[in-house]
């Protein structure tokens, strides 16, 4: 357990930040899952809309420092590949 006032405050701040990060990561995963569900439905417009939302959430996560830039880029690339494969099929 923390002994000083500063250490106690740092514990509180860390917990608050952990909860915020956890919520943002969860939201990010949800948006990617919604894209996958739209992809399975074979509805091009719905899939395109969910792809746009997923891109926006990935960019927002990078801005807030939740994930790294290259990780977001890799995920966006994989989503785009899935979308293009669906369109071509």
N, C-alpha and C. Protein backbone atom coordinates (compact mmCIF):
# COMPACT_ATOMS: atom_id res chain seq x y z
N UNK A 1 0.84 -1.18 0.00
CA UNK A 1 0.00 0.00 0.00
C UNK A 1 0.89 1.24 0.00
N UNK A 2 0.38 2.29 -0.63
CA UNK A 2 1.15 3.54 -0.73
C UNK A 2 1.27 4.20 0.64
N UNK A 3 2.42 4.84 0.89
CA UNK A 3 2.68 5.44 2.19
C UNK A 3 2.53 6.95 2.21
N UNK A 4 2.87 7.61 1.13
CA UNK A 4 2.83 9.08 1.13
C UNK A 4 1.58 9.58 0.40
N UNK A 5 1.27 10.86 0.60
CA UNK A 5 0.12 11.44 -0.07
C UNK A 5 0.27 11.38 -1.59
N UNK A 6 1.48 11.65 -2.04
CA UNK A 6 1.75 11.63 -3.48
C UNK A 6 1.54 10.24 -4.05
N UNK A 7 2.03 9.23 -3.34
CA UNK A 7 1.88 7.86 -3.81
C UNK A 7 0.41 7.44 -3.83
N UNK A 8 -0.34 7.87 -2.84
CA UNK A 8 -1.77 7.56 -2.80
C UNK A 8 -2.47 8.21 -3.99
N UNK A 9 -2.12 9.45 -4.29
CA UNK A 9 -2.72 10.13 -5.43
C UNK A 9 -2.35 9.43 -6.74
N UNK A 10 -1.11 9.01 -6.87
CA UNK A 10 -0.67 8.32 -8.09
C UNK A 10 -1.46 7.03 -8.29
N UNK A 11 -1.77 6.33 -7.19
CA UNK A 11 -2.57 5.11 -7.29
C UNK A 11 -3.96 5.44 -7.82
N UNK A 12 -4.55 6.53 -7.31
CA UNK A 12 -5.88 6.94 -7.77
C UNK A 12 -5.85 7.33 -9.25
N UNK A 13 -4.84 8.08 -9.64
CA UNK A 13 -4.72 8.53 -11.03
C UNK A 13 -4.51 7.33 -11.95
N UNK A 14 -3.66 6.41 -11.54
CA UNK A 14 -3.39 5.22 -12.35
C UNK A 14 -4.67 4.40 -12.54
N UNK A 15 -5.45 4.24 -11.50
CA UNK A 15 -6.68 3.47 -11.59
C UNK A 15 -7.67 4.15 -12.54
N UNK A 16 -7.78 5.48 -12.44
CA UNK A 16 -8.68 6.23 -13.31
C UNK A 16 -8.25 6.07 -14.78
N UNK A 17 -6.96 6.18 -15.03
CA UNK A 17 -6.45 6.04 -16.40
C UNK A 17 -6.62 4.61 -16.92
N UNK A 18 -6.45 3.63 -16.04
CA UNK A 18 -6.60 2.22 -16.43
C UNK A 18 -8.03 1.95 -16.88
N UNK A 19 -8.98 2.47 -16.12
CA UNK A 19 -10.39 2.27 -16.46
C UNK A 19 -10.73 2.95 -17.79
N UNK A 20 -10.20 4.16 -18.00
CA UNK A 20 -10.44 4.88 -19.25
C UNK A 20 -9.85 4.11 -20.43
N UNK A 21 -8.63 3.62 -20.28
CA UNK A 21 -7.98 2.86 -21.35
C UNK A 21 -8.75 1.59 -21.65
N UNK A 22 -9.19 0.92 -20.61
CA UNK A 22 -9.93 -0.33 -20.77
C UNK A 22 -11.22 -0.07 -21.56
N UNK A 23 -11.92 1.01 -21.23
CA UNK A 23 -13.17 1.34 -21.91
C UNK A 23 -12.92 1.65 -23.39
N UNK A 24 -11.87 2.41 -23.68
CA UNK A 24 -11.57 2.77 -25.07
C UNK A 24 -11.16 1.55 -25.89
N UNK A 25 -10.37 0.65 -25.29
CA UNK A 25 -9.98 -0.58 -25.99
C UNK A 25 -11.19 -1.45 -26.27
N UNK A 26 -12.09 -1.51 -25.30
CA UNK A 26 -13.30 -2.31 -25.46
C UNK A 26 -14.15 -1.75 -26.59
N UNK A 27 -14.29 -0.43 -26.64
CA UNK A 27 -15.07 0.22 -27.70
C UNK A 27 -14.45 -0.05 -29.07
N UNK A 28 -13.13 -0.01 -29.12
CA UNK A 28 -12.41 -0.27 -30.37
C UNK A 28 -12.70 -1.69 -30.87
N UNK A 29 -12.60 -2.65 -29.96
CA UNK A 29 -12.86 -4.04 -30.33
C UNK A 29 -14.30 -4.23 -30.78
N UNK A 30 -15.23 -3.54 -30.13
CA UNK A 30 -16.64 -3.63 -30.50
C UNK A 30 -16.86 -3.13 -31.92
N UNK A 31 -16.24 -2.03 -32.27
CA UNK A 31 -16.42 -1.47 -33.60
C UNK A 31 -15.84 -2.40 -34.68
N UNK A 32 -14.73 -3.05 -34.37
CA UNK A 32 -14.14 -3.99 -35.32
C UNK A 32 -15.04 -5.21 -35.47
N UNK A 33 -15.65 -5.66 -34.36
CA UNK A 33 -16.57 -6.80 -34.42
C UNK A 33 -17.81 -6.43 -35.23
N UNK A 34 -18.30 -5.19 -35.07
CA UNK A 34 -19.46 -4.76 -35.85
C UNK A 34 -19.14 -4.76 -37.33
N UNK A 35 -17.90 -4.40 -37.67
CA UNK A 35 -17.47 -4.46 -39.07
C UNK A 35 -17.52 -5.90 -39.56
N UNK A 36 -17.02 -6.83 -38.76
CA UNK A 36 -17.02 -8.24 -39.15
C UNK A 36 -18.44 -8.76 -39.36
N UNK A 37 -19.36 -8.34 -38.49
CA UNK A 37 -20.76 -8.77 -38.63
C UNK A 37 -21.35 -8.20 -39.91
N UNK A 38 -21.07 -6.93 -40.20
CA UNK A 38 -21.56 -6.31 -41.43
C UNK A 38 -20.95 -6.99 -42.65
N UNK A 39 -19.71 -7.43 -42.51
CA UNK A 39 -19.01 -8.11 -43.61
C UNK A 39 -19.71 -9.43 -43.94
N UNK A 40 -20.13 -10.14 -42.91
CA UNK A 40 -20.80 -11.43 -43.13
C UNK A 40 -22.18 -11.26 -43.76
N UNK A 41 -22.81 -10.10 -43.53
CA UNK A 41 -24.15 -9.87 -44.08
C UNK A 41 -24.10 -9.59 -45.59
N UNK A 42 -22.94 -9.32 -46.13
CA UNK A 42 -22.72 -9.04 -47.56
C UNK A 42 -23.43 -7.78 -48.05
N UNK A 43 -23.78 -6.89 -47.13
CA UNK A 43 -24.38 -5.60 -47.50
C UNK A 43 -23.24 -4.58 -47.65
N UNK A 44 -22.98 -4.17 -48.89
CA UNK A 44 -21.82 -3.32 -49.17
C UNK A 44 -21.92 -1.97 -48.46
N UNK A 45 -23.10 -1.36 -48.48
CA UNK A 45 -23.25 -0.03 -47.86
C UNK A 45 -23.06 -0.09 -46.35
N UNK A 46 -23.65 -1.08 -45.70
CA UNK A 46 -23.51 -1.22 -44.25
C UNK A 46 -22.06 -1.52 -43.88
N UNK A 47 -21.43 -2.34 -44.68
CA UNK A 47 -20.03 -2.68 -44.42
C UNK A 47 -19.13 -1.46 -44.60
N UNK A 48 -19.41 -0.67 -45.63
CA UNK A 48 -18.61 0.54 -45.88
C UNK A 48 -18.78 1.53 -44.72
N UNK A 49 -20.00 1.66 -44.21
CA UNK A 49 -20.26 2.57 -43.09
C UNK A 49 -19.54 2.09 -41.83
N UNK A 50 -19.61 0.79 -41.56
CA UNK A 50 -18.94 0.27 -40.36
C UNK A 50 -17.42 0.31 -40.50
N UNK A 51 -16.92 0.20 -41.73
CA UNK A 51 -15.48 0.33 -41.96
C UNK A 51 -15.03 1.75 -41.63
N UNK A 52 -15.82 2.72 -42.05
CA UNK A 52 -15.51 4.11 -41.77
C UNK A 52 -15.49 4.38 -40.27
N UNK A 53 -16.47 3.82 -39.56
CA UNK A 53 -16.53 4.00 -38.11
C UNK A 53 -15.33 3.33 -37.44
N UNK A 54 -14.96 2.15 -37.91
CA UNK A 54 -13.82 1.44 -37.34
C UNK A 54 -12.53 2.23 -37.57
N UNK A 55 -12.37 2.81 -38.76
CA UNK A 55 -11.21 3.65 -39.04
C UNK A 55 -11.14 4.82 -38.06
N UNK A 56 -12.30 5.47 -37.87
CA UNK A 56 -12.36 6.62 -36.99
C UNK A 56 -11.97 6.24 -35.56
N UNK A 57 -12.47 5.11 -35.09
CA UNK A 57 -12.16 4.66 -33.73
C UNK A 57 -10.67 4.31 -33.59
N UNK A 58 -10.09 3.69 -34.62
CA UNK A 58 -8.66 3.37 -34.59
C UNK A 58 -7.83 4.64 -34.53
N UNK A 59 -8.19 5.63 -35.34
CA UNK A 59 -7.45 6.90 -35.33
C UNK A 59 -7.58 7.60 -33.99
N UNK A 60 -8.77 7.54 -33.41
CA UNK A 60 -9.01 8.17 -32.11
C UNK A 60 -8.17 7.49 -31.02
N UNK A 61 -8.06 6.16 -31.10
CA UNK A 61 -7.26 5.42 -30.12
C UNK A 61 -5.79 5.79 -30.23
N UNK A 62 -5.30 6.03 -31.45
CA UNK A 62 -3.92 6.46 -31.63
C UNK A 62 -3.71 7.83 -31.02
N UNK A 63 -4.65 8.74 -31.27
CA UNK A 63 -4.56 10.10 -30.75
C UNK A 63 -4.50 10.10 -29.23
N UNK A 64 -5.27 9.23 -28.61
CA UNK A 64 -5.33 9.18 -27.15
C UNK A 64 -4.23 8.32 -26.54
N UNK A 65 -3.42 7.70 -27.39
CA UNK A 65 -2.29 6.92 -26.89
C UNK A 65 -2.67 5.52 -26.42
N UNK A 66 -3.81 5.02 -26.85
CA UNK A 66 -4.26 3.70 -26.44
C UNK A 66 -3.52 2.61 -27.22
N UNK A 67 -3.37 2.83 -28.51
CA UNK A 67 -2.58 1.90 -29.34
C UNK A 67 -1.57 2.71 -30.13
N UNK A 68 -0.56 2.02 -30.65
CA UNK A 68 0.46 2.70 -31.42
C UNK A 68 0.01 2.90 -32.86
N UNK A 69 0.66 3.85 -33.52
CA UNK A 69 0.30 4.24 -34.88
C UNK A 69 0.41 3.06 -35.85
N UNK A 70 1.50 2.30 -35.75
CA UNK A 70 1.69 1.18 -36.67
C UNK A 70 0.66 0.07 -36.44
N UNK A 71 0.26 -0.11 -35.19
CA UNK A 71 -0.76 -1.11 -34.87
C UNK A 71 -2.07 -0.72 -35.53
N UNK A 72 -2.45 0.54 -35.42
CA UNK A 72 -3.68 1.02 -36.05
C UNK A 72 -3.59 0.88 -37.56
N UNK A 73 -2.46 1.21 -38.11
CA UNK A 73 -2.26 1.10 -39.56
C UNK A 73 -2.42 -0.35 -40.02
N UNK A 74 -1.84 -1.26 -39.28
CA UNK A 74 -1.93 -2.70 -39.61
C UNK A 74 -3.37 -3.18 -39.54
N UNK A 75 -4.09 -2.77 -38.49
CA UNK A 75 -5.48 -3.18 -38.34
C UNK A 75 -6.35 -2.61 -39.46
N UNK A 76 -6.12 -1.33 -39.80
CA UNK A 76 -6.88 -0.71 -40.87
C UNK A 76 -6.61 -1.40 -42.21
N UNK A 77 -5.37 -1.78 -42.43
CA UNK A 77 -5.00 -2.47 -43.65
C UNK A 77 -5.71 -3.82 -43.75
N UNK A 78 -5.77 -4.53 -42.63
CA UNK A 78 -6.45 -5.83 -42.63
C UNK A 78 -7.95 -5.69 -42.85
N UNK A 79 -8.54 -4.65 -42.26
CA UNK A 79 -9.97 -4.41 -42.47
C UNK A 79 -10.23 -4.07 -43.94
N UNK A 80 -9.38 -3.24 -44.52
CA UNK A 80 -9.54 -2.85 -45.92
C UNK A 80 -9.40 -4.06 -46.84
N UNK A 81 -8.47 -4.95 -46.53
CA UNK A 81 -8.28 -6.16 -47.33
C UNK A 81 -9.53 -7.03 -47.28
N UNK A 82 -10.11 -7.19 -46.09
CA UNK A 82 -11.35 -7.98 -45.96
C UNK A 82 -12.47 -7.35 -46.78
N UNK A 83 -12.57 -6.02 -46.68
CA UNK A 83 -13.62 -5.31 -47.42
C UNK A 83 -13.45 -5.48 -48.92
N UNK A 84 -12.23 -5.32 -49.40
CA UNK A 84 -11.97 -5.46 -50.84
C UNK A 84 -12.22 -6.88 -51.32
N UNK A 85 -11.88 -7.86 -50.51
CA UNK A 85 -12.14 -9.25 -50.88
C UNK A 85 -13.64 -9.51 -50.96
N UNK A 86 -14.41 -8.89 -50.08
CA UNK A 86 -15.86 -9.06 -50.12
C UNK A 86 -16.44 -8.43 -51.38
N UNK A 87 -15.93 -7.25 -51.76
CA UNK A 87 -16.43 -6.58 -52.95
C UNK A 87 -16.11 -7.36 -54.21
N UNK A 88 -14.93 -7.97 -54.25
CA UNK A 88 -14.50 -8.69 -55.44
C UNK A 88 -15.14 -10.07 -55.55
N UNK A 89 -15.62 -10.59 -54.43
CA UNK A 89 -16.20 -11.94 -54.45
C UNK A 89 -17.63 -11.94 -54.95
